[in-house]
Amino acid sequence: MAFFKKNPIPCRLCGADDTQTFYKDKRRDYFKCNQCHLVFVPAAQFLTLADEKARYDLHQNTPDDPDYCRFLGRLVDPMATLLPRNSSGLDFGCGPGPALSKLFQEHGHHVINYDPLYANDESVFDQQYDFICATEVVEHLHHPGKELDRLWQCLKPGGILGIMTKRVIDADAFANWHYKNDDTHVCFFHEATFKWLANQWGADLSVVSDDVVIIHK
C-alpha cells in the first residue's frame, strides 16, 4: 500500500527532517526524503549483523562466473574508458568473492578490496584513489551519508566514483519492485538522489544506465 504522510524520522542520507511515509507492506515501512529523495527503511527494522551476513554468505558470485562478470562489466567498462592506464582503485563492498578487482586488472589497473564483513582493513581509508567503485552496495548502507562522504574524501581530484544500484522510479513502481523485498536492502536511490549528492560535492554526474552512475570529482 503506497501513501504519503509527513514523518519526523530524519533522512539516513542527508539528515533532513523533511521526510514522509512512502510505502508500507507487511514486513517493513519505507520513508522518502523530500530533500535528497532517498527512500529508506527505519533502523528499527534493520536485520541484525549476524542475519545480514548469513544472507550474504548465500551469494554465489565469484570471479570465475562469466555471467556475473558480464553483469559487473556494466560498471567496469564505462569506468575503464575514463581511466589512464595503471590507475589505482578501491572496490568498496567487494564481498566474499571479489571479481571487480580482477576485471579492472584486466584493463591495466590496480584495485584494493574492502568489505566490512569479508575484508575489513580500515587502513584502506588512509589513502586516496583514482577511482572507487561500489557495486550493489549502497542499498545496504546503514549510514549512507557518512559512508559516501568518506569515500568521496578518499578520491583524488579528477577521480571518479562509480555506483551500481537499482533506482527508485515512483511509488507505483515501488509497490511491485522485487528489489525492496531483500531485507538487506535498506536505502533506495532515485536519480534525483545522485543529482543531490553531486551537487553537494560540487561534482559532475554521468547517468550511464538505469542502474549505473559515475560521479566525477
Protein backbone atom coordinates (compact mmCIF):
# COMPACT_ATOMS: atom_id res chain seq x y z
CA MET A 1 0.00 0.00 0.00
CA ALA A 2 1.50 3.34 -1.05
CA PHE A 3 0.54 6.58 0.68
CA PHE A 4 2.15 9.83 1.76
CA LYS A 5 2.23 11.25 5.25
CA LYS A 6 4.64 13.68 6.88
CA ASN A 7 7.00 11.92 9.26
CA PRO A 8 9.65 13.22 11.69
CA ILE A 9 12.16 10.39 11.06
CA PRO A 10 15.42 12.02 9.84
CA CYS A 11 16.77 11.03 6.44
CA ARG A 12 19.59 8.50 6.62
CA LEU A 13 21.49 10.23 3.84
CA CYS A 14 21.17 13.99 4.35
CA GLY A 15 19.75 14.12 7.88
CA ALA A 16 16.78 16.31 6.92
CA ASP A 17 13.58 16.05 8.95
CA ASP A 18 11.51 16.68 5.83
CA THR A 19 10.53 13.04 5.33
CA GLN A 20 7.25 11.27 4.74
CA THR A 21 5.83 7.78 4.66
CA PHE A 22 6.33 6.49 1.12
CA TYR A 23 5.20 2.87 1.24
CA LYS A 24 4.31 0.19 3.74
CA ASP A 25 3.91 -3.57 3.48
CA LYS A 26 3.53 -6.43 5.96
CA ARG A 27 7.24 -6.54 6.73
CA ARG A 28 8.64 -3.01 6.65
CA ASP A 29 7.99 0.72 6.42
CA TYR A 30 9.62 2.93 3.81
CA PHE A 31 10.14 6.67 4.12
CA LYS A 32 11.08 9.24 1.48
CA CYS A 33 13.18 12.34 2.00
CA ASN A 34 11.86 15.44 0.26
CA GLN A 35 15.33 17.00 0.23
CA CYS A 36 17.58 14.31 -1.31
CA HIS A 37 14.80 11.93 -2.49
CA LEU A 38 16.29 8.87 -0.78
CA VAL A 39 13.79 6.14 0.16
CA PHE A 40 14.84 4.31 3.30
CA VAL A 41 13.85 1.78 5.94
CA PRO A 42 13.93 2.85 9.62
CA ALA A 43 16.81 1.49 11.71
CA ALA A 44 14.44 -0.41 13.99
CA GLN A 45 13.63 -2.69 11.05
CA PHE A 46 17.22 -3.49 10.04
CA LEU A 47 18.43 -7.08 10.26
CA THR A 48 20.99 -7.95 12.90
CA LEU A 49 24.57 -8.09 11.63
CA ALA A 50 24.59 -11.88 12.03
CA ASP A 51 21.40 -12.29 9.99
CA GLU A 52 22.69 -9.90 7.37
CA LYS A 53 25.95 -11.82 6.97
CA ALA A 54 24.05 -15.10 6.76
CA ARG A 55 22.20 -13.71 3.72
CA TYR A 56 25.42 -12.56 2.08
CA ASP A 57 27.05 -15.94 2.66
CA LEU A 58 24.40 -17.47 0.40
CA HIS A 59 25.60 -15.43 -2.59
CA GLN A 60 27.42 -17.44 -5.25
CA ASN A 61 29.15 -14.55 -7.00
CA THR A 62 32.73 -15.44 -7.96
CA PRO A 63 35.36 -14.07 -10.37
CA ASP A 64 35.07 -17.32 -12.35
CA ASP A 65 31.38 -16.83 -13.14
CA PRO A 66 31.15 -15.35 -16.66
CA ASP A 67 27.56 -14.18 -16.19
CA TYR A 68 28.48 -12.32 -13.01
CA CYS A 69 31.49 -10.75 -14.71
CA ARG A 70 29.30 -9.60 -17.61
CA PHE A 71 26.93 -8.06 -15.08
CA LEU A 72 29.81 -6.18 -13.41
CA GLY A 73 31.02 -5.09 -16.82
CA ARG A 74 28.10 -2.67 -16.94
CA LEU A 75 30.05 -0.61 -14.39
CA VAL A 76 33.63 -1.63 -15.16
CA ASP A 77 33.58 -0.95 -18.90
CA PRO A 78 32.34 2.68 -18.82
CA MET A 79 34.65 3.46 -15.89
CA ALA A 80 37.66 1.90 -17.60
CA THR A 81 37.25 4.14 -20.64
CA LEU A 82 37.74 7.18 -18.37
CA LEU A 83 40.87 5.95 -16.60
CA PRO A 84 44.52 6.27 -17.64
CA ARG A 85 46.44 3.01 -17.52
CA ASN A 86 47.86 1.95 -14.14
CA SER A 87 45.19 3.82 -12.17
CA SER A 88 44.67 2.83 -8.55
CA GLY A 89 41.22 1.98 -7.26
CA LEU A 90 39.18 0.78 -4.31
CA ASP A 91 36.39 -1.76 -4.52
CA PHE A 92 34.14 -0.75 -1.64
CA GLY A 93 32.00 -3.70 -0.56
CA CYS A 94 33.84 -6.38 -2.51
CA GLY A 95 32.04 -9.27 -0.80
CA PRO A 96 33.46 -12.77 -0.25
CA GLY A 97 34.40 -13.31 -3.91
CA PRO A 98 35.93 -10.07 -5.24
CA ALA A 99 35.56 -10.04 -9.01
CA LEU A 100 35.79 -6.31 -9.77
CA SER A 101 39.49 -6.21 -8.93
CA LYS A 102 40.14 -8.97 -11.46
CA LEU A 103 38.18 -7.16 -14.17
CA PHE A 104 39.93 -3.85 -13.55
CA GLN A 105 43.31 -5.61 -13.53
CA GLU A 106 42.50 -6.91 -17.00
CA HIS A 107 42.17 -3.23 -18.01
CA GLY A 108 45.61 -2.48 -16.53
CA HIS A 109 44.59 -1.07 -13.15
CA HIS A 110 45.35 -1.96 -9.54
CA VAL A 111 42.46 -2.38 -7.08
CA ILE A 112 42.39 -2.76 -3.30
CA ASN A 113 39.43 -4.68 -1.89
CA TYR A 114 37.41 -3.60 1.14
CA ASP A 115 34.36 -5.09 2.79
CA PRO A 116 33.20 -4.56 6.39
CA LEU A 117 32.46 -8.29 6.73
CA TYR A 118 34.94 -10.05 4.44
CA ALA A 119 37.96 -7.75 4.04
CA ASN A 120 37.75 -5.32 6.94
CA ASP A 121 41.03 -3.42 6.80
CA GLU A 122 40.19 0.17 7.73
CA SER A 123 43.65 1.35 6.64
CA VAL A 124 42.33 1.48 3.06
CA PHE A 125 40.68 4.77 4.02
CA ASP A 126 44.05 6.33 4.85
CA GLN A 127 44.96 6.67 1.18
CA GLN A 128 43.49 8.21 -1.96
CA TYR A 129 42.48 6.60 -5.22
CA ASP A 130 41.99 7.44 -8.88
CA PHE A 131 38.68 5.60 -8.82
CA ILE A 132 36.33 3.96 -6.34
CA CYS A 133 33.54 1.56 -7.19
CA ALA A 134 30.56 0.37 -5.17
CA THR A 135 28.61 -2.36 -6.94
CA GLU A 136 25.30 -3.43 -5.40
CA VAL A 137 26.49 -1.91 -2.11
CA VAL A 138 24.84 1.44 -1.38
CA GLU A 139 21.41 -0.12 -0.93
CA HIS A 140 22.84 -1.99 2.08
CA LEU A 141 24.37 1.01 3.86
CA HIS A 142 23.00 1.82 7.31
CA HIS A 143 24.68 5.24 7.31
CA PRO A 144 24.90 6.20 3.61
CA GLY A 145 25.73 9.87 4.21
CA LYS A 146 28.72 9.07 6.41
CA GLU A 147 29.99 6.23 4.22
CA LEU A 148 29.65 8.05 0.90
CA ASP A 149 31.31 11.19 2.26
CA ARG A 150 34.21 9.05 3.48
CA LEU A 151 34.60 7.51 0.02
CA TRP A 152 34.50 10.94 -1.58
CA GLN A 153 37.32 12.13 0.68
CA CYS A 154 39.38 9.13 -0.43
CA LEU A 155 39.05 10.09 -4.10
CA LYS A 156 41.82 12.09 -5.74
CA PRO A 157 40.94 15.34 -7.53
CA GLY A 158 39.91 14.32 -11.04
CA GLY A 159 38.95 10.85 -9.81
CA ILE A 160 35.68 9.02 -10.40
CA LEU A 161 33.20 7.22 -8.15
CA GLY A 162 31.15 4.52 -9.87
CA ILE A 163 27.97 3.23 -8.25
CA MET A 164 25.74 0.39 -9.37
CA THR A 165 22.33 0.04 -7.70
CA LYS A 166 18.75 -0.29 -8.90
CA ARG A 167 16.99 3.06 -8.73
CA VAL A 168 13.59 4.12 -7.42
CA ILE A 169 11.22 5.41 -10.09
CA ASP A 170 7.97 6.24 -8.29
CA ALA A 171 5.57 4.89 -5.67
CA ASP A 172 3.55 2.81 -8.13
CA ALA A 173 6.62 1.05 -9.47
CA PHE A 174 7.98 0.64 -5.94
CA ALA A 175 4.89 -1.31 -4.86
CA ASN A 176 5.72 -4.11 -7.31
CA TRP A 177 9.51 -3.80 -7.14
CA HIS A 178 11.36 -7.01 -6.25
CA TYR A 179 14.42 -5.04 -5.16
CA LYS A 180 12.72 -3.80 -1.97
CA ASN A 181 11.91 -7.37 -0.92
CA ASP A 182 15.51 -8.17 0.02
CA ASP A 183 15.66 -7.46 3.75
CA THR A 184 19.31 -6.43 3.49
CA HIS A 185 18.30 -3.56 1.18
CA VAL A 186 17.54 -0.53 3.36
CA CYS A 187 18.35 2.51 1.17
CA PHE A 188 16.94 3.11 -2.29
CA PHE A 189 18.33 5.86 -4.50
CA HIS A 190 16.43 7.91 -7.06
CA GLU A 191 18.23 9.56 -9.96
CA ALA A 192 17.47 12.83 -8.15
CA THR A 193 19.36 11.47 -5.12
CA PHE A 194 22.53 11.16 -7.15
CA LYS A 195 21.99 14.65 -8.57
CA TRP A 196 21.69 15.90 -4.99
CA LEU A 197 24.90 14.11 -3.99
CA ALA A 198 26.82 15.51 -6.95
CA ASN A 199 25.58 19.00 -6.14
CA GLN A 200 26.64 18.64 -2.50
CA TRP A 201 30.12 17.62 -3.60
CA GLY A 202 30.39 20.19 -6.39
CA ALA A 203 30.82 17.29 -8.79
CA ASP A 204 29.62 16.22 -12.23
CA LEU A 205 27.19 13.32 -12.59
CA SER A 206 27.01 10.91 -15.51
CA VAL A 207 23.94 8.65 -15.61
CA VAL A 208 25.27 5.67 -17.56
CA SER A 209 22.26 3.34 -17.42
CA ASP A 210 19.23 2.54 -15.30
CA ASP A 211 21.46 1.18 -12.52
CA VAL A 212 24.89 2.78 -13.06
CA VAL A 213 26.08 6.31 -12.35
CA ILE A 214 29.58 7.82 -12.36
CA ILE A 215 30.37 10.91 -10.29
CA HIS A 216 33.41 12.95 -11.37
CA LYS A 217 35.45 14.82 -8.78
